[in-house]
């Protein structure tokens, strides 16, 4: 390895423009507090605010002087901190993902932020190394240097071995590392954004977050500025017209306006987040995701760290035959944080396209992503209906009693009666969503109604099994089997299956692991908890 590779490197000097601005924005509430407190006490509010801004800018500039990093043959290291000095060291074989992000200010200055996912956790501060900001070419080179390093090292070792063989050194002499230039591999496009996919934007409902943010901002601004929004002429005129309508028309109008606004905001958010989306596979064994209109993002995932895929189908998106594809891997968020965490391999798109991309990513049987699943039987169906209808029936009974013996309005129990068909439909849909299968080395499980998910998890990614039974599950002869993994949600459940079926799935996924717990093909009696009830089940856990 050349000496320059292991030297400590600094962030780009152009970050001195970005970091002070970021720190001032982050400290804006405190600076506003200084302004208000200073003005009310002695009239020096603006002066105190300027002092606060100067200190914040100074702290923002010190990051460039105190942050350095280097790549050694075994580790990636980052030194940072002014008063509290820290050195973060991560072995190179722990690097799972590299995320390169550029917001509009970064792009203007030709910079990028690099986040190195180590797989320890996808939560805040959970094992990520962040470098903000590097020059865009340097960030791209760093991504290659970290994730394509193994191939280059192997090539270097092969070159060194060939050279030493030709020269005839001693067989036990260690080969010196050889620095060779990285050769660009071949990229194969797996998916790219099509304009017709934008029609799925309104059905993501991401605009609801925008509505909440705008409403909170306007409310806070009006409160801080002591402004009565109802006295503003356009608002006053609109409220007067709205108040002149009948109640049913008011409700219909409000719902229609909200639906239109959410649809427009969701579509705009879809375009901003996924414009220019492109999923490619590199010949060195990595997947690349590039997307973003104003803020661009490039995520690289090692395929050998990929443990499976998740189909996510929210109710509205499922109604228009759409789906999202999420990677089950270490170091990236899933669930509600998938988009922000970078694990989304395909934005909301036609379900057929999502299935096709999943087959190309997994490189396996199409039955893994679209094949039939084993239903969970009548007991699981009864459990769905009793849980859904039981809550509503209990609510109706309580409301009827209170209505009879107090002044509770009658509409409370009438509304409960109206909810019975809705809950029955949800229960039926939840049961139809249940299913599991063992296909081509993957455990496939599906669950959910409002958000239906289907996960294909590799056997090799499963590190343990957990079998749990609640009081009511024991009475129904059912269990919940959880496949524990270090990737994604850290656990994927097969809900409400028979105990024998759960044992079969776990035994097939991890041969020999459950042998101590079974005898003659049937589970052994479960151990009892000392001092507890005799029917408390103990989970089967293996690491």
Protein backbone atom coordinates (compact mmCIF):
# COMPACT_ATOMS: atom_id res chain seq x y z
CA UNK A 1 0.00 0.00 0.00
CA UNK A 2 1.48 3.36 -0.95
CA UNK A 3 2.28 5.78 1.86
CA UNK A 4 -0.17 8.37 0.58
CA UNK A 5 -3.10 6.00 1.07
CA UNK A 6 -2.55 5.79 4.84
CA UNK A 7 -1.89 9.52 5.37
CA UNK A 8 -4.44 11.51 7.31
CA UNK A 9 -6.68 13.47 4.98
CA UNK A 10 -8.83 16.54 5.61
CA UNK A 11 -12.29 17.51 4.51
CA UNK A 12 -12.65 19.89 1.60
CA UNK A 13 -11.83 23.54 2.49
CA UNK A 14 -15.09 24.50 0.77
CA UNK A 15 -16.94 23.02 3.74
CA UNK A 16 -16.00 26.23 5.59
CA UNK A 17 -18.86 27.81 3.67
CA UNK A 18 -21.39 25.08 4.45
CA UNK A 19 -20.81 24.21 8.09
CA UNK A 20 -21.24 27.73 9.54
CA UNK A 21 -24.57 28.03 7.70
CA UNK A 22 -25.68 24.62 8.98
CA UNK A 23 -24.72 25.51 12.55
CA UNK A 24 -26.57 28.84 12.41
CA UNK A 25 -29.71 27.13 11.12
CA UNK A 26 -29.43 24.44 13.81
CA UNK A 27 -28.98 27.10 16.51
CA UNK A 28 -31.76 29.36 15.19
CA UNK A 29 -34.17 28.72 18.14
CA UNK A 30 -31.45 29.58 20.67
CA UNK A 31 -30.43 32.70 18.73
CA UNK A 32 -34.07 33.80 18.56
CA UNK A 33 -34.31 33.27 22.33
CA UNK A 34 -31.23 35.48 22.84
CA UNK A 35 -32.83 38.18 20.69
CA UNK A 36 -36.11 38.13 22.63
CA UNK A 37 -34.48 37.88 26.08
CA UNK A 38 -31.99 40.64 25.35
CA UNK A 39 -34.63 42.99 23.94
CA UNK A 40 -36.92 42.54 26.94
CA UNK A 41 -34.18 43.00 29.57
CA UNK A 42 -32.00 45.85 28.37
CA UNK A 43 -32.50 46.49 24.70
CA UNK A 44 -29.32 44.65 23.63
CA UNK A 45 -31.08 41.74 21.97
CA UNK A 46 -29.58 42.29 18.49
CA UNK A 47 -26.09 42.57 19.99
CA UNK A 48 -26.44 39.31 21.92
CA UNK A 49 -27.79 37.64 18.81
CA UNK A 50 -24.78 38.81 16.78
CA UNK A 51 -22.45 37.46 19.47
CA UNK A 52 -24.31 34.15 19.36
CA UNK A 53 -24.06 34.01 15.56
CA UNK A 54 -20.31 34.75 15.73
CA UNK A 55 -19.71 31.97 18.26
CA UNK A 56 -21.82 29.54 16.20
CA UNK A 57 -19.90 30.38 13.01
CA UNK A 58 -16.59 29.94 14.85
CA UNK A 59 -17.64 26.51 16.11
CA UNK A 60 -18.73 25.58 12.59
CA UNK A 61 -15.33 26.45 11.13
CA UNK A 62 -13.40 24.47 13.74
CA UNK A 63 -14.75 21.22 12.31
CA UNK A 64 -12.45 21.51 9.31
CA UNK A 65 -9.39 21.96 11.55
CA UNK A 66 -10.31 19.13 13.93
CA UNK A 67 -11.61 16.44 11.53
CA UNK A 68 -9.27 14.14 9.62
CA UNK A 69 -9.62 10.62 8.25
CA UNK A 70 -7.51 7.90 6.65
CA UNK A 71 -7.86 4.47 5.05
CA UNK A 72 -5.35 1.87 6.21
CA UNK A 73 -5.00 -1.69 4.86
CA UNK A 74 -7.23 -2.90 7.71
CA UNK A 75 -9.25 0.05 9.01
CA UNK A 76 -11.00 3.31 8.21
CA UNK A 77 -10.35 5.91 10.91
CA UNK A 78 -11.86 9.31 11.65
CA UNK A 79 -10.45 11.80 14.18
CA UNK A 80 -12.72 14.62 15.31
CA UNK A 81 -13.56 16.84 18.24
CA UNK A 82 -12.12 20.01 19.75
CA UNK A 83 -12.41 19.70 23.53
CA UNK A 84 -13.44 16.04 23.50
CA UNK A 85 -11.13 14.36 21.02
CA UNK A 86 -12.34 11.07 19.52
CA UNK A 87 -10.87 8.55 17.12
CA UNK A 88 -13.44 6.29 15.44
CA UNK A 89 -11.95 3.10 14.00
CA UNK A 90 -13.89 0.56 11.95
CA UNK A 91 -12.42 -2.55 10.32
CA UNK A 92 -12.78 -2.50 6.56
CA UNK A 93 -14.52 -5.86 6.60
CA UNK A 94 -17.29 -4.25 8.68
CA UNK A 95 -18.13 -1.71 5.98
CA UNK A 96 -21.56 -2.63 4.60
CA UNK A 97 -22.78 0.41 2.68
CA UNK A 98 -21.55 3.80 1.49
CA UNK A 99 -24.09 6.60 1.10
CA UNK A 100 -23.12 9.75 -0.85
CA UNK A 101 -25.56 12.67 -0.49
CA UNK A 102 -25.48 16.18 -1.96
CA UNK A 103 -28.09 18.79 -1.08
CA UNK A 104 -28.50 21.94 -3.12
CA UNK A 105 -25.80 23.85 -1.21
CA UNK A 106 -23.39 20.95 -1.54
CA UNK A 107 -24.05 20.71 -5.27
CA UNK A 108 -23.44 24.42 -5.81
CA UNK A 109 -20.02 24.07 -4.18
CA UNK A 110 -19.24 20.67 -5.74
CA UNK A 111 -19.31 18.82 -2.41
CA UNK A 112 -20.90 15.66 -1.03
CA UNK A 113 -21.51 14.04 2.34
CA UNK A 114 -20.33 10.46 2.81
CA UNK A 115 -21.90 8.08 5.36
CA UNK A 116 -20.22 4.72 5.87
CA UNK A 117 -22.63 2.09 7.22
CA UNK A 118 -20.96 -0.50 9.40
CA UNK A 119 -23.99 -2.69 10.10
CA UNK A 120 -24.00 -2.16 13.87
CA UNK A 121 -27.37 -0.40 13.77
CA UNK A 122 -29.54 1.65 11.45
CA UNK A 123 -30.47 4.06 14.20
CA UNK A 124 -28.99 7.48 14.83
CA UNK A 125 -25.39 7.22 15.86
CA UNK A 126 -25.44 3.45 15.52
CA UNK A 127 -22.15 2.66 13.85
CA UNK A 128 -22.02 5.16 10.99
CA UNK A 129 -18.99 7.21 10.01
CA UNK A 130 -19.94 10.56 8.50
CA UNK A 131 -17.68 12.84 6.51
CA UNK A 132 -19.31 16.19 5.70
CA UNK A 133 -18.11 17.42 3.31
CA UNK A 134 -15.74 16.08 0.66
CA UNK A 135 -15.27 17.13 -2.91
CA UNK A 136 -17.68 15.24 -5.17
CA UNK A 137 -14.90 13.41 -7.11
CA UNK A 138 -13.15 12.51 -3.84
CA UNK A 139 -16.43 11.20 -2.37
CA UNK A 140 -17.01 9.01 -5.42
CA UNK A 141 -13.44 7.70 -5.24
CA UNK A 142 -13.83 6.99 -1.51
CA UNK A 143 -16.93 4.90 -2.20
CA UNK A 144 -14.96 2.80 -4.69
CA UNK A 145 -12.01 2.61 -2.33
CA UNK A 146 -14.12 1.21 0.51
CA UNK A 147 -16.51 -1.18 -1.21
CA UNK A 148 -14.39 -2.38 -4.14
CA UNK A 149 -11.30 -2.78 -2.04
CA UNK A 150 -11.56 -6.55 -1.68
CA UNK A 151 -11.35 -7.17 -5.42
CA UNK A 152 -8.43 -4.83 -5.75
CA UNK A 153 -6.63 -6.47 -2.85
CA UNK A 154 -7.13 -9.91 -4.38
CA UNK A 155 -5.81 -8.68 -7.72
CA UNK A 156 -2.84 -7.09 -6.02
CA UNK A 157 -2.05 -10.30 -4.13
CA UNK A 158 -2.28 -12.29 -7.35
CA UNK A 159 0.06 -9.86 -9.09
CA UNK A 160 2.52 -10.02 -6.21
CA UNK A 161 2.43 -13.82 -6.14
CA UNK A 162 3.07 -14.00 -9.87
CA UNK A 163 6.01 -11.63 -9.60
CA UNK A 164 7.62 -13.47 -6.69
CA UNK A 165 7.15 -16.82 -8.42
CA UNK A 166 8.98 -15.53 -11.47
CA UNK A 167 11.85 -14.26 -9.37
CA UNK A 168 11.97 -17.41 -7.24
CA UNK A 169 11.91 -16.12 -3.62
CA UNK A 170 11.55 -18.37 -0.63
CA UNK A 171 8.19 -20.08 -0.41
CA UNK A 172 7.51 -18.71 3.06
CA UNK A 173 8.51 -15.14 2.29
CA UNK A 174 5.56 -12.75 2.76
CA UNK A 175 4.49 -10.98 -0.39
CA UNK A 176 4.61 -7.21 -0.16
CA UNK A 177 1.35 -5.44 -0.96
CA UNK A 178 1.26 -4.05 -4.46
CA UNK A 179 -0.56 -0.81 -5.24
CA UNK A 180 -2.34 -1.15 -8.57
CA UNK A 181 -4.85 1.19 -10.17
CA UNK A 182 -8.51 0.24 -9.84
CA UNK A 183 -10.08 -0.83 -13.09
CA UNK A 184 -13.63 0.28 -13.71
CA UNK A 185 -15.94 -2.70 -13.79
CA UNK A 186 -19.08 -3.30 -15.76
CA UNK A 187 -22.39 -1.87 -14.57
CA UNK A 188 -25.68 -3.49 -15.53
CA UNK A 189 -28.86 -1.47 -15.26
CA UNK A 190 -31.57 -3.25 -13.29
CA UNK A 191 -34.19 -0.48 -13.17
CA UNK A 192 -34.65 3.19 -14.05
CA UNK A 193 -37.44 5.65 -13.35
CA UNK A 194 -40.12 5.86 -16.01
CA UNK A 195 -42.37 8.93 -16.29
CA UNK A 196 -45.53 6.83 -15.94
CA UNK A 197 -44.42 5.77 -12.44
CA UNK A 198 -45.14 9.28 -11.17
CA UNK A 199 -48.86 8.40 -11.17
CA UNK A 200 -48.17 6.35 -8.03
CA UNK A 201 -46.98 9.46 -6.17
CA UNK A 202 -50.43 10.58 -4.90
CA UNK A 203 -51.04 7.14 -3.37
CA UNK A 204 -47.97 7.28 -1.11
CA UNK A 205 -49.67 9.88 1.17
CA UNK A 206 -46.29 11.41 1.98
CA UNK A 207 -48.00 14.78 1.50
CA UNK A 208 -49.72 14.33 4.87
CA UNK A 209 -46.36 15.05 6.50
CA UNK A 210 -46.10 18.23 4.43
CA UNK A 211 -49.57 19.31 5.61
CA UNK A 212 -48.54 18.81 9.24
CA UNK A 213 -45.26 20.70 8.79
CA UNK A 214 -46.94 23.66 7.08
CA UNK A 215 -49.74 23.79 9.65
CA UNK A 216 -47.26 23.70 12.53
CA UNK A 217 -45.03 26.35 10.96
CA UNK A 218 -47.92 28.74 10.26
CA UNK A 219 -49.34 28.23 13.75
CA UNK A 220 -45.97 28.85 15.40
CA UNK A 221 -45.31 31.90 13.23
CA UNK A 222 -48.72 33.38 14.06
CA UNK A 223 -48.23 32.69 17.77
CA UNK A 224 -44.74 34.22 17.92
CA UNK A 225 -45.79 37.24 15.89
CA UNK A 226 -49.07 37.68 17.81
CA UNK A 227 -50.98 37.59 14.51
CA UNK A 228 -54.67 36.73 14.34
CA UNK A 229 -54.98 34.74 11.13
CA UNK A 230 -58.75 35.12 11.19
CA UNK A 231 -58.42 38.88 10.67
CA UNK A 232 -56.40 38.60 7.45
CA UNK A 233 -58.74 39.58 4.60
CA UNK A 234 -58.29 36.50 2.32
CA UNK A 235 -58.52 34.13 5.27
CA UNK A 236 -61.52 35.96 6.72
CA UNK A 237 -63.34 35.87 3.37
CA UNK A 238 -62.64 32.16 2.90
CA UNK A 239 -63.80 31.29 6.42
CA UNK A 240 -66.95 33.35 5.95
CA UNK A 241 -67.79 31.52 2.72
CA UNK A 242 -67.00 28.16 4.30
CA UNK A 243 -69.21 28.93 7.32
CA UNK A 244 -72.17 29.67 5.10
CA UNK A 245 -72.25 26.06 3.84
CA UNK A 246 -74.25 23.26 5.39
CA UNK A 247 -72.46 20.75 7.62
CA UNK A 248 -72.36 17.87 5.07
CA UNK A 249 -71.08 20.24 2.36
CA UNK A 250 -68.47 21.64 4.77
CA UNK A 251 -67.16 18.17 5.54
CA UNK A 252 -67.12 17.16 1.86
CA UNK A 253 -65.35 20.39 0.88
CA UNK A 254 -62.72 20.03 3.61
CA UNK A 255 -62.03 16.41 2.65
CA UNK A 256 -61.80 17.29 -1.05
CA UNK A 257 -59.42 20.22 -0.48
CA UNK A 258 -57.25 18.11 1.83
CA UNK A 259 -57.19 15.21 -0.64
CA UNK A 260 -56.16 17.48 -3.53
CA UNK A 261 -53.45 19.17 -1.47
CA UNK A 262 -52.07 15.86 -0.18
CA UNK A 263 -52.09 14.38 -3.71
CA UNK A 264 -50.22 17.36 -5.16
CA UNK A 265 -47.72 17.43 -2.29
CA UNK A 266 -47.17 13.66 -2.48
CA UNK A 267 -46.56 13.82 -6.22
CA UNK A 268 -44.12 16.69 -5.80
CA UNK A 269 -42.32 14.77 -3.05
CA UNK A 270 -42.13 11.70 -5.28
CA UNK A 271 -40.50 13.72 -8.07
CA UNK A 272 -38.05 15.43 -5.69
CA UNK A 273 -37.01 12.18 -4.02
CA UNK A 274 -36.84 9.79 -7.00
CA UNK A 275 -36.15 11.87 -10.10
CA UNK A 276 -33.27 10.32 -11.99
CA UNK A 277 -33.65 7.04 -10.08
CA UNK A 278 -31.40 4.30 -11.36
CA UNK A 279 -30.56 0.88 -9.90
CA UNK A 280 -27.45 -0.82 -11.25
CA UNK A 281 -25.30 -3.83 -10.43
CA UNK A 282 -21.53 -3.52 -10.50
CA UNK A 283 -19.42 -6.46 -11.60
CA UNK A 284 -17.43 -6.19 -8.35
CA UNK A 285 -20.51 -7.36 -6.42
CA UNK A 286 -22.30 -4.18 -5.38
CA UNK A 287 -25.67 -2.56 -6.04
CA UNK A 288 -25.84 1.17 -6.77
CA UNK A 289 -28.93 3.35 -6.23
CA UNK A 290 -28.86 6.92 -7.57
CA UNK A 291 -31.81 9.29 -7.15
CA UNK A 292 -32.89 12.83 -6.32
CA UNK A 293 -33.71 16.08 -8.09
CA UNK A 294 -32.54 18.85 -5.75
CA UNK A 295 -30.77 16.68 -3.19
CA UNK A 296 -29.02 13.81 -4.95
CA UNK A 297 -28.23 10.57 -3.22
CA UNK A 298 -26.06 7.64 -4.25
CA UNK A 299 -26.12 4.48 -2.13
CA UNK A 300 -23.87 1.47 -2.64
CA UNK A 301 -24.68 -1.90 -1.06
CA UNK A 302 -22.47 -4.98 -1.01
CA UNK A 303 -24.48 -7.85 -2.44
CA UNK A 304 -22.82 -10.37 -0.14
CA UNK A 305 -24.31 -8.38 2.76
CA UNK A 306 -27.79 -8.47 1.21
CA UNK A 307 -29.96 -10.90 3.19
CA UNK A 308 -33.24 -10.57 1.35
CA UNK A 309 -35.90 -8.25 -0.03
CA UNK A 310 -39.13 -6.77 1.28
CA UNK A 311 -42.21 -5.90 -0.75
CA UNK A 312 -44.10 -3.03 0.86
CA UNK A 313 -47.68 -2.42 -0.29
CA UNK A 314 -49.61 0.29 1.59
CA UNK A 315 -53.37 -0.03 1.16
CA UNK A 316 -53.82 2.81 -1.35
CA UNK A 317 -50.74 1.80 -3.33
CA UNK A 318 -51.94 -1.80 -3.39
CA UNK A 319 -55.34 -0.64 -4.71
CA UNK A 320 -53.64 0.69 -7.86
CA UNK A 321 -51.38 -2.38 -8.24
CA UNK A 322 -48.26 -0.65 -6.98
CA UNK A 323 -45.45 -1.75 -4.65
CA UNK A 324 -42.11 -0.68 -3.23
CA UNK A 325 -38.97 -2.82 -3.01
CA UNK A 326 -36.71 -2.55 0.05
CA UNK A 327 -33.37 -4.20 0.68
CA UNK A 328 -32.97 -6.32 3.80
CA UNK A 329 -29.36 -5.56 4.65
CA UNK A 330 -27.30 -4.33 7.55
CA UNK A 331 -26.52 -0.66 8.04
CA UNK A 332 -29.63 0.76 6.33
CA UNK A 333 -33.04 1.71 7.67
CA UNK A 334 -36.22 -0.16 6.85
CA UNK A 335 -39.87 0.42 7.57
CA UNK A 336 -40.83 4.05 8.01
CA UNK A 337 -37.19 5.11 7.56
CA UNK A 338 -36.49 3.18 4.40
CA UNK A 339 -36.61 6.15 2.05
CA UNK A 340 -34.47 8.32 4.31
CA UNK A 341 -32.24 5.44 5.25
CA UNK A 342 -31.36 4.53 1.67
CA UNK A 343 -32.54 0.90 1.68
CA UNK A 344 -35.24 1.44 -0.96
CA UNK A 345 -34.25 -0.41 -4.12
CA UNK A 346 -37.33 0.60 -6.12
CA UNK A 347 -39.71 3.54 -5.51
CA UNK A 348 -43.49 3.07 -5.77
CA UNK A 349 -43.89 1.40 -9.16
CA UNK A 350 -46.08 -1.23 -10.86
CA UNK A 351 -46.09 -4.46 -8.87
CA UNK A 352 -45.02 -6.45 -11.93
CA UNK A 353 -41.96 -4.23 -12.29
CA UNK A 354 -41.12 -4.65 -8.60
CA UNK A 355 -41.32 -8.44 -8.94
CA UNK A 356 -39.15 -8.39 -12.05
CA UNK A 357 -36.50 -6.25 -10.34
CA UNK A 358 -36.58 -8.50 -7.27
CA UNK A 359 -35.89 -11.57 -9.39
CA UNK A 360 -32.96 -9.81 -11.05
CA UNK A 361 -31.55 -8.67 -7.71
CA UNK A 362 -31.87 -12.06 -6.01
CA UNK A 363 -30.96 -13.96 -9.14
CA UNK A 364 -33.22 -16.81 -8.07
CA UNK A 365 -36.59 -18.39 -8.69
CA UNK A 366 -39.55 -16.13 -9.49
CA UNK A 367 -41.57 -18.14 -6.95
CA UNK A 368 -39.54 -16.44 -4.22
CA UNK A 369 -41.15 -13.10 -4.94
CA UNK A 370 -44.47 -14.00 -6.55
CA UNK A 371 -45.17 -17.67 -5.89
CA UNK A 372 -48.11 -19.00 -3.85
CA UNK A 373 -47.87 -19.14 -0.07
CA UNK A 374 -49.09 -21.66 2.48
CA UNK A 375 -52.26 -20.36 4.23
CA UNK A 376 -52.39 -20.41 8.01
CA UNK A 377 -55.67 -22.23 8.43
CA UNK A 378 -59.05 -21.74 10.13
CA UNK A 379 -57.60 -21.10 13.60
CA UNK A 380 -55.63 -18.09 12.34
CA UNK A 381 -58.71 -16.81 10.51
CA UNK A 382 -60.87 -17.06 13.66
CA UNK A 383 -58.18 -15.25 15.60
CA UNK A 384 -58.24 -12.35 13.12
CA UNK A 385 -62.01 -11.96 13.36
CA UNK A 386 -62.25 -12.34 17.15
CA UNK A 387 -59.53 -9.77 17.73
CA UNK A 388 -61.01 -7.24 15.30
CA UNK A 389 -64.70 -7.67 16.12
CA UNK A 390 -64.15 -8.20 19.83
CA UNK A 391 -62.81 -4.70 20.34
CA UNK A 392 -65.67 -3.07 18.44
CA UNK A 393 -68.36 -5.17 20.15
CA UNK A 394 -66.89 -4.32 23.56
CA UNK A 395 -66.98 -0.63 22.62
CA UNK A 396 -70.62 -0.90 21.55
CA UNK A 397 -71.64 -2.64 24.79
CA UNK A 398 -69.88 -0.05 26.95
CA UNK A 399 -71.43 2.83 25.00
CA UNK A 400 -74.92 1.27 25.22
CA UNK A 401 -74.62 0.95 29.00
CA UNK A 402 -73.41 4.52 29.38
CA UNK A 403 -76.09 5.75 26.99
CA UNK A 404 -78.76 3.99 29.02
CA UNK A 405 -77.56 5.17 32.42
CA UNK A 406 -76.01 8.55 31.58
CA UNK A 407 -76.09 11.33 29.02
CA UNK A 408 -73.68 9.74 26.55
CA UNK A 409 -74.76 10.64 22.98
CA UNK A 410 -76.38 7.85 20.98
CA UNK A 411 -74.08 8.39 18.02
CA UNK A 412 -71.22 6.69 19.95
CA UNK A 413 -72.74 3.21 19.82
CA UNK A 414 -74.31 3.85 16.41
CA UNK A 415 -70.85 4.63 15.07
CA UNK A 416 -69.65 1.36 16.58
CA UNK A 417 -72.35 -0.54 14.70
CA UNK A 418 -71.28 1.18 11.47
CA UNK A 419 -67.69 0.09 12.10
CA UNK A 420 -68.56 -3.60 12.33
CA UNK A 421 -68.57 -4.22 8.54
CA UNK A 422 -65.35 -2.23 8.15
CA UNK A 423 -63.54 -4.22 10.84
CA UNK A 424 -64.83 -7.47 9.35
CA UNK A 425 -63.38 -6.51 5.96
CA UNK A 426 -60.04 -5.60 7.57
CA UNK A 427 -59.96 -8.92 9.44
CA UNK A 428 -60.66 -10.83 6.24
CA UNK A 429 -57.93 -8.91 4.42
CA UNK A 430 -55.45 -9.52 7.25
CA UNK A 431 -56.07 -13.25 7.00
CA UNK A 432 -55.71 -13.25 3.21
CA UNK A 433 -52.35 -11.50 3.66
CA UNK A 434 -51.02 -14.20 5.99
CA UNK A 435 -48.80 -16.81 4.37
CA UNK A 436 -45.37 -18.39 4.32
CA UNK A 437 -43.20 -20.66 2.19
CA UNK A 438 -39.71 -22.12 1.85
CA UNK A 439 -38.43 -21.37 -1.65
CA UNK A 440 -34.92 -21.62 -3.11
CA UNK A 441 -33.07 -21.16 0.15
CA UNK A 442 -35.36 -18.35 1.39
CA UNK A 443 -37.94 -18.09 4.12
CA UNK A 444 -40.86 -16.17 2.63
CA UNK A 445 -43.40 -14.61 4.99
CA UNK A 446 -46.26 -12.17 4.40
CA UNK A 447 -48.45 -10.22 6.79
CA UNK A 448 -50.34 -6.92 7.21
CA UNK A 449 -53.41 -5.18 5.81
CA UNK A 450 -53.06 -1.40 5.95
CA UNK A 451 -49.46 -2.02 4.92
CA UNK A 452 -48.96 -5.50 3.50
CA UNK A 453 -45.39 -6.77 3.49
CA UNK A 454 -43.83 -9.82 1.90
CA UNK A 455 -40.26 -10.64 2.89
CA UNK A 456 -37.89 -13.15 1.30
CA UNK A 457 -35.10 -13.83 3.81
CA UNK A 458 -32.05 -15.98 3.03
CA UNK A 459 -31.38 -18.97 5.27
CA UNK A 460 -27.76 -17.83 5.59
CA UNK A 461 -28.93 -14.52 7.06
CA UNK A 462 -30.89 -16.17 9.89
CA UNK A 463 -28.92 -16.36 13.14
CA UNK A 464 -31.64 -17.72 15.43
CA UNK A 465 -35.30 -18.64 15.87
CA UNK A 466 -37.81 -17.54 18.47
CA UNK A 467 -41.06 -19.39 19.12
CA UNK A 468 -43.60 -17.53 21.25
CA UNK A 469 -47.16 -18.25 22.31
CA UNK A 470 -49.54 -15.89 24.06
CA UNK A 471 -52.37 -17.06 26.32
CA UNK A 472 -54.91 -16.96 23.49
CA UNK A 473 -52.51 -18.50 20.98
CA UNK A 474 -52.03 -21.50 23.27
CA UNK A 475 -55.79 -21.98 23.42
CA UNK A 476 -55.95 -21.86 19.62
CA UNK A 477 -52.96 -24.18 19.15
CA UNK A 478 -50.90 -21.49 17.37
CA UNK A 479 -47.46 -19.90 17.77
CA UNK A 480 -45.52 -16.99 16.30
CA UNK A 481 -42.18 -17.93 14.77
CA UNK A 482 -39.58 -15.16 14.50
CA UNK A 483 -36.50 -15.52 12.32
CA UNK A 484 -33.75 -13.44 13.94
CA UNK A 485 -31.27 -11.69 11.66
CA UNK A 486 -28.71 -8.90 11.87
CA UNK A 487 -30.25 -7.17 8.84
CA UNK A 488 -33.34 -5.10 8.27
CA UNK A 489 -35.86 -5.24 11.13
CA UNK A 490 -33.63 -7.73 13.02
CA UNK A 491 -36.56 -10.15 13.15
CA UNK A 492 -39.24 -11.36 10.71
CA UNK A 493 -42.32 -13.14 12.01
CA UNK A 494 -44.45 -15.95 10.71
CA UNK A 495 -47.62 -15.23 12.63
CA UNK A 496 -50.18 -17.70 13.96
CA UNK A 497 -48.95 -21.04 12.62
CA UNK A 498 -49.20 -24.48 14.18
CA UNK A 499 -46.31 -25.45 16.47
CA UNK A 500 -45.38 -28.42 14.26
CA UNK A 501 -45.23 -26.16 11.21
CA UNK A 502 -43.06 -23.64 13.08
CA UNK A 503 -40.64 -26.42 14.05
CA UNK A 504 -40.57 -27.62 10.44
CA UNK A 505 -39.72 -24.13 9.14
CA UNK A 506 -37.00 -23.56 11.71
CA UNK A 507 -35.49 -27.00 11.14
CA UNK A 508 -35.45 -26.50 7.38
CA UNK A 509 -33.91 -23.05 7.70
CA UNK A 510 -31.25 -24.10 10.23
CA UNK A 511 -30.72 -27.87 10.00
CA UNK A 512 -29.78 -29.44 13.31
CA UNK A 513 -30.28 -26.27 15.34
CA UNK A 514 -33.48 -27.41 17.02
CA UNK A 515 -32.51 -31.05 17.52
CA UNK A 516 -32.08 -30.60 21.30
CA UNK A 517 -35.66 -29.30 21.48
CA UNK A 518 -37.41 -32.02 19.50
CA UNK A 519 -37.71 -35.75 19.95
CA UNK A 520 -38.96 -38.19 17.35
CA UNK A 521 -40.05 -35.38 15.05
CA UNK A 522 -42.27 -33.74 17.72
CA UNK A 523 -41.43 -30.93 20.13
CA UNK A 524 -40.34 -31.92 23.59
CA UNK A 525 -42.37 -30.64 26.55
CA UNK A 526 -41.54 -27.04 27.21
CA UNK A 527 -39.58 -26.21 30.36
CA UNK A 528 -41.52 -24.65 33.22
CA UNK A 529 -40.78 -21.28 34.77
CA UNK A 530 -39.98 -21.54 38.46
CA UNK A 531 -42.70 -19.84 40.46
CA UNK A 532 -44.78 -19.04 37.39
CA UNK A 533 -47.87 -20.54 35.80
CA UNK A 534 -47.34 -24.05 34.38
CA UNK A 535 -48.36 -23.13 30.84
CA UNK A 536 -45.88 -20.29 30.21
CA UNK A 537 -43.96 -21.07 27.03
CA UNK A 538 -40.25 -20.49 26.81
CA UNK A 539 -38.92 -19.04 23.55
CA UNK A 540 -36.46 -21.08 21.58
CA UNK A 541 -33.58 -18.72 20.92
CA UNK A 542 -30.28 -19.42 19.28
CA UNK A 543 -27.51 -17.06 18.35
